[in-house]
C-alpha atoms as a PDB file:
ATOM      1  CA  UNK A   1      -0.018  -0.056   0.069  1.00  0.00           C
ATOM      2  CA  UNK A   2       2.738   2.407   0.931  1.00  0.00           C
ATOM      3  CA  UNK A   3       4.399   2.241  -2.572  1.00  0.00           C
ATOM      4  CA  UNK A   4       1.018   3.153  -4.251  1.00  0.00           C
ATOM      5  CA  UNK A   5       0.871   6.193  -2.150  1.00  0.00           C
ATOM      6  CA  UNK A   6       4.648   7.149  -2.764  1.00  0.00           C
ATOM      7  CA  UNK A   7       4.135   6.824  -6.528  1.00  0.00           C
ATOM      8  CA  UNK A   8       0.743   8.717  -6.730  1.00  0.00           C
ATOM      9  CA  UNK A   9       0.819  11.933  -8.475  1.00  0.00           C
ATOM     10  CA  UNK A  10      -1.174  14.532  -6.572  1.00  0.00           C
ATOM     11  CA  UNK A  11       0.701  17.892  -7.485  1.00  0.00           C
ATOM     12  CA  UNK A  12       2.879  18.844 -10.481  1.00  0.00           C
ATOM     13  CA  UNK A  13       5.909  18.716  -8.437  1.00  0.00           C
ATOM     14  CA  UNK A  14       5.186  14.977  -7.852  1.00  0.00           C
ATOM     15  CA  UNK A  15       6.259  14.240 -11.411  1.00  0.00           C
ATOM     16  CA  UNK A  16       9.730  15.915 -10.541  1.00  0.00           C
ATOM     17  CA  UNK A  17       9.820  13.816  -7.331  1.00  0.00           C
ATOM     18  CA  UNK A  18       9.557  10.559  -9.425  1.00  0.00           C
ATOM     19  CA  UNK A  19      12.534  11.730 -11.482  1.00  0.00           C
ATOM     20  CA  UNK A  20      14.921  11.876  -8.471  1.00  0.00           C
ATOM     21  CA  UNK A  21      18.204   9.967  -9.247  1.00  0.00           C
ATOM     22  CA  UNK A  22      17.000   9.701 -12.867  1.00  0.00           C
ATOM     23  CA  UNK A  23      18.311  11.487 -15.835  1.00  0.00           C
ATOM     24  CA  UNK A  24      16.258  14.459 -17.074  1.00  0.00           C
ATOM     25  CA  UNK A  25      16.197  17.175 -19.590  1.00  0.00           C
ATOM     26  CA  UNK A  26      15.862  20.818 -18.478  1.00  0.00           C
ATOM     27  CA  UNK A  27      15.100  23.608 -20.943  1.00  0.00           C
ATOM     28  CA  UNK A  28      16.152  27.201 -19.619  1.00  0.00           C
ATOM     29  CA  UNK A  29      15.851  30.633 -20.590  1.00  0.00           C
ATOM     30  CA  UNK A  30      18.530  32.086 -23.010  1.00  0.00           C
ATOM     31  CA  UNK A  31      18.437  29.087 -25.275  1.00  0.00           C
ATOM     32  CA  UNK A  32      20.169  26.681 -22.689  1.00  0.00           C
ATOM     33  CA  UNK A  33      19.520  22.976 -22.492  1.00  0.00           C
ATOM     34  CA  UNK A  34      20.715  20.612 -19.762  1.00  0.00           C
ATOM     35  CA  UNK A  35      20.643  16.849 -19.650  1.00  0.00           C
ATOM     36  CA  UNK A  36      21.850  15.252 -16.276  1.00  0.00           C
ATOM     37  CA  UNK A  37      20.912  13.300 -13.100  1.00  0.00           C
ATOM     38  CA  UNK A  38      18.596  14.983 -10.848  1.00  0.00           C
ATOM     39  CA  UNK A  39      19.933  14.832  -7.242  1.00  0.00           C
ATOM     40  CA  UNK A  40      17.618  17.364  -5.486  1.00  0.00           C
ATOM     41  CA  UNK A  41      15.042  20.060  -6.023  1.00  0.00           C
ATOM     42  CA  UNK A  42      12.993  22.366  -4.129  1.00  0.00           C
ATOM     43  CA  UNK A  43       9.375  23.988  -4.502  1.00  0.00           C
ATOM     44  CA  UNK A  44      10.902  26.846  -6.517  1.00  0.00           C
ATOM     45  CA  UNK A  45      12.505  24.381  -8.940  1.00  0.00           C
ATOM     46  CA  UNK A  46      16.009  25.032  -7.776  1.00  0.00           C
ATOM     47  CA  UNK A  47      17.873  21.760  -8.669  1.00  0.00           C
ATOM     48  CA  UNK A  48      21.100  20.060  -8.350  1.00  0.00           C
ATOM     49  CA  UNK A  49      22.168  18.057 -11.209  1.00  0.00           C
ATOM     50  CA  UNK A  50      25.077  15.592 -11.670  1.00  0.00           C
ATOM     51  CA  UNK A  51      27.020  14.475 -14.754  1.00  0.00           C
ATOM     52  CA  UNK A  52      25.529  17.357 -16.818  1.00  0.00           C
ATOM     53  CA  UNK A  53      25.811  18.158 -20.407  1.00  0.00           C
ATOM     54  CA  UNK A  54      24.894  21.721 -21.157  1.00  0.00           C
ATOM     55  CA  UNK A  55      24.054  22.952 -24.619  1.00  0.00           C
ATOM     56  CA  UNK A  56      23.916  26.715 -25.463  1.00  0.00           C
ATOM     57  CA  UNK A  57      22.524  27.713 -28.811  1.00  0.00           C
ATOM     58  CA  UNK A  58      23.171  31.193 -29.975  1.00  0.00           C
ATOM     59  CA  UNK A  59      22.026  33.043 -33.208  1.00  0.00           C
ATOM     60  CA  UNK A  60      24.285  35.446 -34.700  1.00  0.00           C
ATOM     61  CA  UNK A  61      23.999  37.618 -37.941  1.00  0.00           C
ATOM     62  CA  UNK A  62      26.837  38.012 -40.293  1.00  0.00           C
ATOM     63  CA  UNK A  63      27.470  41.725 -40.810  1.00  0.00           C
ATOM     64  CA  UNK A  64      28.489  41.398 -44.440  1.00  0.00           C
ATOM     65  CA  UNK A  65      25.828  38.905 -45.824  1.00  0.00           C
ATOM     66  CA  UNK A  66      23.144  39.341 -43.041  1.00  0.00           C
ATOM     67  CA  UNK A  67      22.797  35.625 -42.995  1.00  0.00           C
ATOM     68  CA  UNK A  68      21.796  33.839 -39.684  1.00  0.00           C
ATOM     69  CA  UNK A  69      24.490  31.818 -37.974  1.00  0.00           C
ATOM     70  CA  UNK A  70      23.485  29.244 -35.457  1.00  0.00           C
ATOM     71  CA  UNK A  71      26.141  28.325 -33.121  1.00  0.00           C
ATOM     72  CA  UNK A  72      26.003  25.526 -30.518  1.00  0.00           C
ATOM     73  CA  UNK A  73      28.321  25.253 -27.647  1.00  0.00           C
ATOM     74  CA  UNK A  74      28.603  22.098 -25.457  1.00  0.00           C
ATOM     75  CA  UNK A  75      30.191  21.417 -22.080  1.00  0.00           C
ATOM     76  CA  UNK A  76      30.166  18.771 -19.411  1.00  0.00           C
ATOM     77  CA  UNK A  77      29.912  19.657 -15.735  1.00  0.00           C
ATOM     78  CA  UNK A  78      30.274  17.181 -12.857  1.00  0.00           C
ATOM     79  CA  UNK A  79      27.642  19.082 -10.616  1.00  0.00           C
ATOM     80  CA  UNK A  80      25.523  22.088 -11.435  1.00  0.00           C
ATOM     81  CA  UNK A  81      23.079  24.018  -9.256  1.00  0.00           C
ATOM     82  CA  UNK A  82      20.178  25.285 -11.420  1.00  0.00           C
ATOM     83  CA  UNK A  83      18.291  28.404 -10.232  1.00  0.00           C
ATOM     84  CA  UNK A  84      14.466  27.568 -10.644  1.00  0.00           C
ATOM     85  CA  UNK A  85      13.414  30.942 -11.934  1.00  0.00           C
ATOM     86  CA  UNK A  86      15.156  30.261 -15.423  1.00  0.00           C
ATOM     87  CA  UNK A  87      13.477  26.820 -15.782  1.00  0.00           C
ATOM     88  CA  UNK A  88      10.946  26.506 -18.720  1.00  0.00           C
ATOM     89  CA  UNK A  89      10.598  22.775 -18.981  1.00  0.00           C
ATOM     90  CA  UNK A  90      11.746  19.532 -17.187  1.00  0.00           C
ATOM     91  CA  UNK A  91      11.162  16.064 -18.812  1.00  0.00           C
ATOM     92  CA  UNK A  92      12.790  12.712 -19.169  1.00  0.00           C
ATOM     93  CA  UNK A  93      15.699  12.953 -21.483  1.00  0.00           C
ATOM     94  CA  UNK A  94      14.906  13.277 -25.299  1.00  0.00           C
ATOM     95  CA  UNK A  95      15.706  10.125 -27.097  1.00  0.00           C
ATOM     96  CA  UNK A  96      17.793  10.637 -30.138  1.00  0.00           C
ATOM     97  CA  UNK A  97      17.876   8.148 -32.813  1.00  0.00           C
END
């Protein structure tokens, strides 16, 4: 009986609780994306992630041709504190084929 109550989803943050110690995908403001293991979170959606891959996408305009140039920067971070006010979306990691 206790396991059914523990896995029940009564509030939106319960979905985050079910992802503890699992890999998640987090989309942030400023075109940032994170994939990492969720270690902790709070009601403000501040999170501590481990083994994180951060992807930053930036759009630049070439001064001569006025073409849009999309740049993607990746880095790996062992532990990362994510401030909750920048979080747009949290989900299980996206599957890439």
